Amino acid sequence: MKREAPPTGAPTRTFEPRCMADHDRLALIASDRPDDDIWLDVRAVEMYLHKPRRAIYRMVESGRLPCQRIGRTIVIRKSDASRFL
């Protein structure tokens, strides 16, 4: 079966939930806890800001988006990510 290429100019990136973990991330983003108490992983920030994952990593690497590392996982405060909305 031959796959059709997406039309030119059509968005190829989706920020919709892909699995149950993404639904949990969205619930955390929408929670009524103070933004300083909410830590998001890169996928959650990607869905929150509607920016590609690579752009999030670039912001972290350049220092524009403060983060913490827990093992190999990068976590970012929701209040810091909110500055880019």
Protein backbone atom coordinates (compact mmCIF):
# COMPACT_ATOMS: atom_id res chain seq x y z
CA MET A 1 0.00 0.00 0.00
CA LYS A 2 1.41 3.38 -0.99
CA ARG A 3 1.23 6.21 1.52
CA GLU A 4 0.23 9.63 0.33
CA ALA A 5 2.41 12.55 1.27
CA PRO A 6 0.71 15.29 3.28
CA PRO A 7 -0.33 18.28 1.21
CA THR A 8 2.20 21.08 1.02
CA GLY A 9 1.74 23.58 3.81
CA ALA A 10 -0.26 21.15 5.93
CA PRO A 11 0.97 20.85 9.50
CA THR A 12 2.80 17.58 10.05
CA ARG A 13 3.16 18.08 13.79
CA THR A 14 0.32 17.44 16.20
CA PHE A 15 0.18 18.48 19.81
CA GLU A 16 -2.81 16.29 20.59
CA PRO A 17 -2.54 13.57 23.23
CA ARG A 18 -1.15 10.32 21.82
CA CYS A 19 -1.45 8.08 24.86
CA MET A 20 -2.84 7.95 28.39
CA ALA A 21 0.34 9.52 29.77
CA ASP A 22 -0.34 12.57 27.57
CA HIS A 23 -3.84 12.85 29.07
CA ASP A 24 -2.24 12.80 32.53
CA ARG A 25 0.16 15.54 31.44
CA LEU A 26 -2.75 17.69 30.20
CA ALA A 27 -4.61 17.15 33.47
CA LEU A 28 -1.52 18.33 35.36
CA ILE A 29 -1.24 21.41 33.13
CA ALA A 30 -4.91 22.26 33.73
CA SER A 31 -4.80 21.64 37.49
CA ASP A 32 -5.55 24.45 39.91
CA ARG A 33 -2.27 24.06 41.79
CA PRO A 34 0.07 27.09 41.78
CA ASP A 35 2.29 27.19 38.70
CA ASP A 36 5.45 27.15 40.82
CA ASP A 37 4.43 23.75 42.24
CA ILE A 38 3.96 22.11 38.84
CA TRP A 39 6.96 20.50 37.12
CA LEU A 40 6.51 19.40 33.51
CA ASP A 41 8.61 17.09 31.35
CA VAL A 42 9.61 18.10 27.82
CA ARG A 43 6.59 16.37 26.20
CA ALA A 44 4.20 18.25 28.50
CA VAL A 45 5.91 21.58 27.70
CA GLU A 46 5.68 20.70 24.01
CA MET A 47 1.90 20.25 24.30
CA TYR A 48 1.53 23.30 26.56
CA LEU A 49 3.42 25.72 24.30
CA HIS A 50 2.50 24.10 20.96
CA LYS A 51 6.14 24.14 19.95
CA PRO A 52 8.23 21.30 18.51
CA ARG A 53 10.27 19.23 20.94
CA ARG A 54 13.52 20.31 19.32
CA ALA A 55 12.61 23.97 19.98
CA ILE A 56 12.09 23.17 23.67
CA TYR A 57 15.51 21.49 23.85
CA ARG A 58 17.10 24.51 22.10
CA MET A 59 15.55 26.89 24.65
CA VAL A 60 16.87 24.69 27.48
CA GLU A 61 20.35 24.43 25.97
CA SER A 62 20.59 28.18 25.40
CA GLY A 63 19.50 28.91 28.98
CA ARG A 64 16.35 30.80 28.02
CA LEU A 65 14.17 28.12 29.64
CA PRO A 66 15.39 27.18 33.14
CA CYS A 67 15.19 23.49 33.96
CA GLN A 68 16.27 20.79 36.37
CA ARG A 69 17.48 17.29 35.60
CA ILE A 70 16.23 14.25 37.43
CA GLY A 71 18.42 11.48 36.13
CA ARG A 72 18.06 11.69 32.36
CA THR A 73 14.74 13.51 32.53
CA ILE A 74 14.51 17.26 32.03
CA VAL A 75 11.78 18.93 34.09
CA ILE A 76 10.63 22.53 33.76
CA ARG A 77 8.43 24.61 36.05
CA LYS A 78 5.10 25.53 34.51
CA SER A 79 5.64 29.15 35.58
CA ASP A 80 8.89 29.28 33.58
CA ALA A 81 7.24 27.73 30.51
CA SER A 82 4.32 30.19 30.79
CA ARG A 83 6.65 33.06 29.90
CA PHE A 84 6.76 31.75 26.33
CA LEU A 85 2.99 31.77 25.75
